[in-house]
All heavy atoms as atom14 arrays in JSON, in Angstrom:
{
  "sequence": "FVRHPLMLGLLIAFWATPDMSYGHLLFALATT",
  "atom14_mask": [
    [1, 1, 1, 1, 1, 1, 1, 1, 1, 1, 1, 0, 0, 0],
    [1, 1, 1, 1, 1, 1, 1, 0, 0, 0, 0, 0, 0, 0],
    [1, 1, 1, 1, 1, 1, 1, 1, 1, 1, 1, 0, 0, 0],
    [1, 1, 1, 1, 1, 1, 1, 1, 1, 1, 0, 0, 0, 0],
    [1, 1, 1, 1, 1, 1, 1, 0, 0, 0, 0, 0, 0, 0],
    [1, 1, 1, 1, 1, 1, 1, 1, 0, 0, 0, 0, 0, 0],
    [1, 1, 1, 1, 1, 1, 1, 1, 0, 0, 0, 0, 0, 0],
    [1, 1, 1, 1, 1, 1, 1, 1, 0, 0, 0, 0, 0, 0],
    [1, 1, 1, 1, 0, 0, 0, 0, 0, 0, 0, 0, 0, 0],
    [1, 1, 1, 1, 1, 1, 1, 1, 0, 0, 0, 0, 0, 0],
    [1, 1, 1, 1, 1, 1, 1, 1, 0, 0, 0, 0, 0, 0],
    [1, 1, 1, 1, 1, 1, 1, 1, 0, 0, 0, 0, 0, 0],
    [1, 1, 1, 1, 1, 0, 0, 0, 0, 0, 0, 0, 0, 0],
    [1, 1, 1, 1, 1, 1, 1, 1, 1, 1, 1, 0, 0, 0],
    [1, 1, 1, 1, 1, 1, 1, 1, 1, 1, 1, 1, 1, 1],
    [1, 1, 1, 1, 1, 0, 0, 0, 0, 0, 0, 0, 0, 0],
    [1, 1, 1, 1, 1, 1, 1, 0, 0, 0, 0, 0, 0, 0],
    [1, 1, 1, 1, 1, 1, 1, 0, 0, 0, 0, 0, 0, 0],
    [1, 1, 1, 1, 1, 1, 1, 1, 0, 0, 0, 0, 0, 0],
    [1, 1, 1, 1, 1, 1, 1, 1, 0, 0, 0, 0, 0, 0],
    [1, 1, 1, 1, 1, 1, 0, 0, 0, 0, 0, 0, 0, 0],
    [1, 1, 1, 1, 1, 1, 1, 1, 1, 1, 1, 1, 0, 0],
    [1, 1, 1, 1, 0, 0, 0, 0, 0, 0, 0, 0, 0, 0],
    [1, 1, 1, 1, 1, 1, 1, 1, 1, 1, 0, 0, 0, 0],
    [1, 1, 1, 1, 1, 1, 1, 1, 0, 0, 0, 0, 0, 0],
    [1, 1, 1, 1, 1, 1, 1, 1, 0, 0, 0, 0, 0, 0],
    [1, 1, 1, 1, 1, 1, 1, 1, 1, 1, 1, 0, 0, 0],
    [1, 1, 1, 1, 1, 0, 0, 0, 0, 0, 0, 0, 0, 0],
    [1, 1, 1, 1, 1, 1, 1, 1, 0, 0, 0, 0, 0, 0],
    [1, 1, 1, 1, 1, 0, 0, 0, 0, 0, 0, 0, 0, 0],
    [1, 1, 1, 1, 1, 1, 1, 0, 0, 0, 0, 0, 0, 0],
    [1, 1, 1, 1, 1, 1, 1, 0, 0, 0, 0, 0, 0, 0]
  ],
  "atom14_positions": [
    [[13.65, -6.77, 13.4], [14.02, -7.08, 12.01], [13.75, -5.94, 11.05], [14.41, -5.81, 10.03], [13.25, -8.32, 11.53], [13.31, -9.46, 12.5], [12.22, -9.77, 13.29], [14.47, -10.2, 12.64], [12.27, -10.82, 14.19], [14.54, -11.25, 13.55], [13.43, -11.56, 14.33], [0.0, 0.0, 0.0], [0.0, 0.0, 0.0], [0.0, 0.0, 0.0]],
    [[12.73, -5.13, 11.37], [12.3, -4.05, 10.48], [12.12, -2.79, 11.33], [11.47, -2.84, 12.38], [10.95, -4.41, 9.8], [10.46, -3.29, 8.92], [11.08, -5.69, 9.01], [0.0, 0.0, 0.0], [0.0, 0.0, 0.0], [0.0, 0.0, 0.0], [0.0, 0.0, 0.0], [0.0, 0.0, 0.0], [0.0, 0.0, 0.0], [0.0, 0.0, 0.0]],
    [[12.68, -1.69, 10.88], [12.58, -0.45, 11.67], [11.19, 0.18, 11.61], [10.81, 0.93, 12.49], [13.63, 0.55, 11.19], [15.04, 0.08, 11.43], [16.08, 1.16, 11.21], [16.01, 1.87, 9.97], [16.66, 1.53, 8.85], [17.39, 0.43, 8.82], [16.57, 2.28, 7.76], [0.0, 0.0, 0.0], [0.0, 0.0, 0.0], [0.0, 0.0, 0.0]],
    [[10.43, -0.12, 10.57], [9.11, 0.51, 10.39], [8.04, -0.52, 10.02], [7.45, -0.46, 8.94], [9.2, 1.6, 9.32], [10.23, 2.63, 9.62], [10.01, 3.67, 10.5], [11.5, 2.77, 9.17], [11.09, 4.41, 10.57], [12.02, 3.89, 9.79], [0.0, 0.0, 0.0], [0.0, 0.0, 0.0], [0.0, 0.0, 0.0], [0.0, 0.0, 0.0]],
    [[7.75, -1.47, 10.91], [6.74, -2.48, 10.57], [5.34, -1.9, 10.36], [4.56, -2.44, 9.57], [6.77, -3.45, 11.75], [7.47, -2.75, 12.84], [8.34, -1.71, 12.22], [0.0, 0.0, 0.0], [0.0, 0.0, 0.0], [0.0, 0.0, 0.0], [0.0, 0.0, 0.0], [0.0, 0.0, 0.0], [0.0, 0.0, 0.0], [0.0, 0.0, 0.0]],
    [[5.0, -0.81, 11.04], [3.7, -0.18, 10.81], [3.57, 0.25, 9.36], [2.56, -0.01, 8.69], [3.51, 1.02, 11.76], [2.3, 1.91, 11.52], [1.0, 1.14, 11.66], [2.32, 3.08, 12.49], [0.0, 0.0, 0.0], [0.0, 0.0, 0.0], [0.0, 0.0, 0.0], [0.0, 0.0, 0.0], [0.0, 0.0, 0.0], [0.0, 0.0, 0.0]],
    [[4.61, 0.89, 8.85], [4.58, 1.34, 7.46], [4.63, 0.16, 6.49], [3.99, 0.19, 5.44], [5.76, 2.3, 7.19], [5.75, 3.51, 8.05], [4.16, 4.39, 7.97], [4.33, 5.48, 9.33], [0.0, 0.0, 0.0], [0.0, 0.0, 0.0], [0.0, 0.0, 0.0], [0.0, 0.0, 0.0], [0.0, 0.0, 0.0], [0.0, 0.0, 0.0]],
    [[5.37, -0.87, 6.85], [5.38, -2.08, 6.02], [3.97, -2.66, 5.91], [3.52, -2.99, 4.81], [6.33, -3.13, 6.62], [6.29, -4.52, 5.99], [6.71, -4.47, 4.53], [7.15, -5.49, 6.78], [0.0, 0.0, 0.0], [0.0, 0.0, 0.0], [0.0, 0.0, 0.0], [0.0, 0.0, 0.0], [0.0, 0.0, 0.0], [0.0, 0.0, 0.0]],
    [[3.27, -2.77, 7.04], [1.91, -3.29, 7.03], [0.99, -2.45, 6.16], [0.18, -2.98, 5.39], [0.0, 0.0, 0.0], [0.0, 0.0, 0.0], [0.0, 0.0, 0.0], [0.0, 0.0, 0.0], [0.0, 0.0, 0.0], [0.0, 0.0, 0.0], [0.0, 0.0, 0.0], [0.0, 0.0, 0.0], [0.0, 0.0, 0.0], [0.0, 0.0, 0.0]],
    [[1.1, -1.13, 6.27], [0.25, -0.25, 5.45], [0.56, -0.41, 3.96], [-0.36, -0.47, 3.14], [0.43, 1.21, 5.89], [-0.12, 1.57, 7.27], [0.25, 3.0, 7.63], [-1.62, 1.35, 7.35], [0.0, 0.0, 0.0], [0.0, 0.0, 0.0], [0.0, 0.0, 0.0], [0.0, 0.0, 0.0], [0.0, 0.0, 0.0], [0.0, 0.0, 0.0]],
    [[1.83, -0.48, 3.62], [2.2, -0.66, 2.21], [1.65, -1.97, 1.66], [1.13, -2.01, 0.53], [3.72, -0.59, 2.04], [4.33, 0.79, 2.2], [5.85, 0.7, 2.25], [3.88, 1.72, 1.09], [0.0, 0.0, 0.0], [0.0, 0.0, 0.0], [0.0, 0.0, 0.0], [0.0, 0.0, 0.0], [0.0, 0.0, 0.0], [0.0, 0.0, 0.0]],
    [[1.75, -3.04, 2.43], [1.19, -4.32, 1.99], [-0.31, -4.18, 1.79], [-0.86, -4.6, 0.75], [1.51, -5.44, 3.0], [3.01, -5.74, 3.01], [0.71, -6.7, 2.68], [3.45, -6.65, 4.15], [0.0, 0.0, 0.0], [0.0, 0.0, 0.0], [0.0, 0.0, 0.0], [0.0, 0.0, 0.0], [0.0, 0.0, 0.0], [0.0, 0.0, 0.0]],
    [[-1.0, -3.57, 2.75], [-2.46, -3.42, 2.67], [-2.87, -2.57, 1.47], [-3.88, -2.85, 0.82], [-3.0, -2.83, 3.97], [0.0, 0.0, 0.0], [0.0, 0.0, 0.0], [0.0, 0.0, 0.0], [0.0, 0.0, 0.0], [0.0, 0.0, 0.0], [0.0, 0.0, 0.0], [0.0, 0.0, 0.0], [0.0, 0.0, 0.0], [0.0, 0.0, 0.0]],
    [[-2.12, -1.52, 1.17], [-2.49, -0.63, 0.08], [-2.26, -1.25, -1.3], [-2.96, -0.92, -2.25], [-1.73, 0.7, 0.16], [-2.05, 1.51, 1.38], [-1.16, 2.46, 1.84], [-3.23, 1.33, 2.09], [-1.44, 3.22, 2.98], [-3.53, 2.09, 3.22], [-2.63, 3.04, 3.66], [0.0, 0.0, 0.0], [0.0, 0.0, 0.0], [0.0, 0.0, 0.0]],
    [[-1.25, -2.12, -1.41], [-0.89, -2.67, -2.72], [-1.43, -4.08, -2.98], [-1.55, -4.48, -4.13], [0.63, -2.65, -2.9], [1.13, -1.27, -3.13], [1.65, -0.41, -2.21], [1.12, -0.56, -4.37], [1.98, 0.79, -2.79], [1.66, 0.72, -4.12], [0.72, -0.87, -5.66], [1.81, 1.68, -5.12], [0.88, 0.09, -6.67], [1.41, 1.34, -6.38]],
    [[-1.74, -4.85, -1.96], [-2.2, -6.23, -2.15], [-3.69, -6.23, -2.45], [-4.52, -6.19, -1.55], [-1.9, -7.07, -0.91], [0.0, 0.0, 0.0], [0.0, 0.0, 0.0], [0.0, 0.0, 0.0], [0.0, 0.0, 0.0], [0.0, 0.0, 0.0], [0.0, 0.0, 0.0], [0.0, 0.0, 0.0], [0.0, 0.0, 0.0], [0.0, 0.0, 0.0]],
    [[-4.01, -6.24, -3.7], [-5.42, -6.26, -4.1], [-5.57, -7.06, -5.38], [-4.75, -6.95, -6.3], [-5.96, -4.83, -4.31], [-7.32, -4.92, -4.75], [-5.17, -4.05, -5.33], [0.0, 0.0, 0.0], [0.0, 0.0, 0.0], [0.0, 0.0, 0.0], [0.0, 0.0, 0.0], [0.0, 0.0, 0.0], [0.0, 0.0, 0.0], [0.0, 0.0, 0.0]],
    [[-6.62, -7.87, -5.47], [-6.87, -8.59, -6.71], [-7.45, -7.69, -7.79], [-7.44, -8.03, -8.97], [-7.85, -9.69, -6.31], [-8.49, -9.19, -5.07], [-7.52, -8.29, -4.39], [0.0, 0.0, 0.0], [0.0, 0.0, 0.0], [0.0, 0.0, 0.0], [0.0, 0.0, 0.0], [0.0, 0.0, 0.0], [0.0, 0.0, 0.0], [0.0, 0.0, 0.0]],
    [[-7.97, -6.52, -7.4], [-8.6, -5.59, -8.35], [-8.02, -4.2, -8.15], [-8.43, -3.48, -7.23], [-10.12, -5.56, -8.13], [-10.74, -6.95, -8.26], [-10.59, -7.55, -9.33], [-11.33, -7.41, -7.27], [0.0, 0.0, 0.0], [0.0, 0.0, 0.0], [0.0, 0.0, 0.0], [0.0, 0.0, 0.0], [0.0, 0.0, 0.0], [0.0, 0.0, 0.0]],
    [[-7.07, -3.81, -8.99], [-6.42, -2.5, -8.87], [-7.06, -1.52, -9.84], [-6.8, -1.53, -11.04], [-4.93, -2.62, -9.16], [-4.17, -1.31, -9.09], [-4.15, -0.56, -7.45], [-2.83, -1.44, -6.65], [0.0, 0.0, 0.0], [0.0, 0.0, 0.0], [0.0, 0.0, 0.0], [0.0, 0.0, 0.0], [0.0, 0.0, 0.0], [0.0, 0.0, 0.0]],
    [[-7.95, -0.67, -9.3], [-8.55, 0.38, -10.12], [-7.57, 1.54, -10.23], [-6.6, 1.63, -9.47], [-9.86, 0.86, -9.49], [-9.59, 1.57, -8.3], [0.0, 0.0, 0.0], [0.0, 0.0, 0.0], [0.0, 0.0, 0.0], [0.0, 0.0, 0.0], [0.0, 0.0, 0.0], [0.0, 0.0, 0.0], [0.0, 0.0, 0.0], [0.0, 0.0, 0.0]],
    [[-7.85, 2.45, -11.15], [-6.98, 3.62, -11.29], [-7.06, 4.5, -10.04], [-6.06, 5.09, -9.62], [-7.31, 4.41, -12.55], [-6.97, 3.68, -13.81], [-7.9, 3.49, -14.82], [-5.69, 3.16, -14.0], [-7.58, 2.8, -15.97], [-5.35, 2.46, -15.15], [-6.31, 2.29, -16.13], [-5.98, 1.6, -17.28], [0.0, 0.0, 0.0], [0.0, 0.0, 0.0]],
    [[-8.23, 4.56, -9.43], [-8.37, 5.31, -8.19], [-7.56, 4.69, -7.06], [-6.89, 5.4, -6.31], [0.0, 0.0, 0.0], [0.0, 0.0, 0.0], [0.0, 0.0, 0.0], [0.0, 0.0, 0.0], [0.0, 0.0, 0.0], [0.0, 0.0, 0.0], [0.0, 0.0, 0.0], [0.0, 0.0, 0.0], [0.0, 0.0, 0.0], [0.0, 0.0, 0.0]],
    [[-7.61, 3.37, -6.95], [-6.82, 2.66, -5.93], [-5.33, 2.86, -6.19], [-4.56, 3.09, -5.26], [-7.2, 1.18, -5.95], [-6.59, 0.39, -4.84], [-7.21, -0.69, -4.29], [-5.41, 0.49, -4.18], [-6.45, -1.21, -3.35], [-5.35, -0.51, -3.27], [0.0, 0.0, 0.0], [0.0, 0.0, 0.0], [0.0, 0.0, 0.0], [0.0, 0.0, 0.0]],
    [[-4.95, 2.8, -7.46], [-3.54, 3.01, -7.82], [-3.09, 4.4, -7.41], [-2.01, 4.56, -6.82], [-3.35, 2.82, -9.32], [-1.94, 3.12, -9.85], [-0.92, 2.15, -9.29], [-1.94, 3.1, -11.37], [0.0, 0.0, 0.0], [0.0, 0.0, 0.0], [0.0, 0.0, 0.0], [0.0, 0.0, 0.0], [0.0, 0.0, 0.0], [0.0, 0.0, 0.0]],
    [[-3.91, 5.4, -7.68], [-3.56, 6.77, -7.31], [-3.41, 6.9, -5.79], [-2.46, 7.49, -5.3], [-4.64, 7.72, -7.82], [-4.41, 9.2, -7.58], [-3.12, 9.67, -8.24], [-5.59, 10.0, -8.1], [0.0, 0.0, 0.0], [0.0, 0.0, 0.0], [0.0, 0.0, 0.0], [0.0, 0.0, 0.0], [0.0, 0.0, 0.0], [0.0, 0.0, 0.0]],
    [[-4.34, 6.31, -5.06], [-4.26, 6.33, -3.6], [-3.0, 5.62, -3.12], [-2.28, 6.12, -2.25], [-5.51, 5.67, -3.0], [-5.47, 5.57, -1.51], [-5.8, 6.65, -0.72], [-5.08, 4.38, -0.89], [-5.75, 6.56, 0.66], [-5.04, 4.28, 0.48], [-5.36, 5.38, 1.27], [0.0, 0.0, 0.0], [0.0, 0.0, 0.0], [0.0, 0.0, 0.0]],
    [[-2.72, 4.44, -3.67], [-1.55, 3.67, -3.25], [-0.25, 4.42, -3.56], [0.67, 4.43, -2.74], [-1.56, 2.29, -3.92], [0.0, 0.0, 0.0], [0.0, 0.0, 0.0], [0.0, 0.0, 0.0], [0.0, 0.0, 0.0], [0.0, 0.0, 0.0], [0.0, 0.0, 0.0], [0.0, 0.0, 0.0], [0.0, 0.0, 0.0], [0.0, 0.0, 0.0]],
    [[-0.18, 5.04, -4.72], [1.02, 5.81, -5.08], [1.2, 7.01, -4.15], [2.31, 7.26, -3.66], [0.94, 6.28, -6.53], [1.16, 5.22, -7.59], [0.81, 5.77, -8.98], [2.59, 4.69, -7.57], [0.0, 0.0, 0.0], [0.0, 0.0, 0.0], [0.0, 0.0, 0.0], [0.0, 0.0, 0.0], [0.0, 0.0, 0.0], [0.0, 0.0, 0.0]],
    [[0.11, 7.75, -3.89], [0.2, 8.94, -3.04], [0.61, 8.55, -1.61], [1.48, 9.19, -1.02], [-1.13, 9.68, -3.04], [0.0, 0.0, 0.0], [0.0, 0.0, 0.0], [0.0, 0.0, 0.0], [0.0, 0.0, 0.0], [0.0, 0.0, 0.0], [0.0, 0.0, 0.0], [0.0, 0.0, 0.0], [0.0, 0.0, 0.0], [0.0, 0.0, 0.0]],
    [[-0.01, 7.52, -1.06], [0.31, 7.14, 0.31], [1.71, 6.52, 0.41], [2.4, 6.71, 1.41], [-0.74, 6.17, 0.9], [-0.91, 5.07, 0.01], [-2.07, 6.88, 1.1], [0.0, 0.0, 0.0], [0.0, 0.0, 0.0], [0.0, 0.0, 0.0], [0.0, 0.0, 0.0], [0.0, 0.0, 0.0], [0.0, 0.0, 0.0], [0.0, 0.0, 0.0]],
    [[2.13, 5.82, -0.63], [3.49, 5.27, -0.64], [4.51, 6.4, -0.62], [5.48, 6.35, 0.14], [3.7, 4.36, -1.86], [2.78, 3.26, -1.78], [5.12, 3.84, -1.94], [0.0, 0.0, 0.0], [0.0, 0.0, 0.0], [0.0, 0.0, 0.0], [0.0, 0.0, 0.0], [0.0, 0.0, 0.0], [0.0, 0.0, 0.0], [0.0, 0.0, 0.0]]
  ]
}
């Protein structure tokens, strides 16, 4: 169904957070 499920899982893990700090945001943007 998805050509890159590993990357999908990482994107979900990096962005799904109840507490998004600016540092976490920077990390999530860079890795995305």
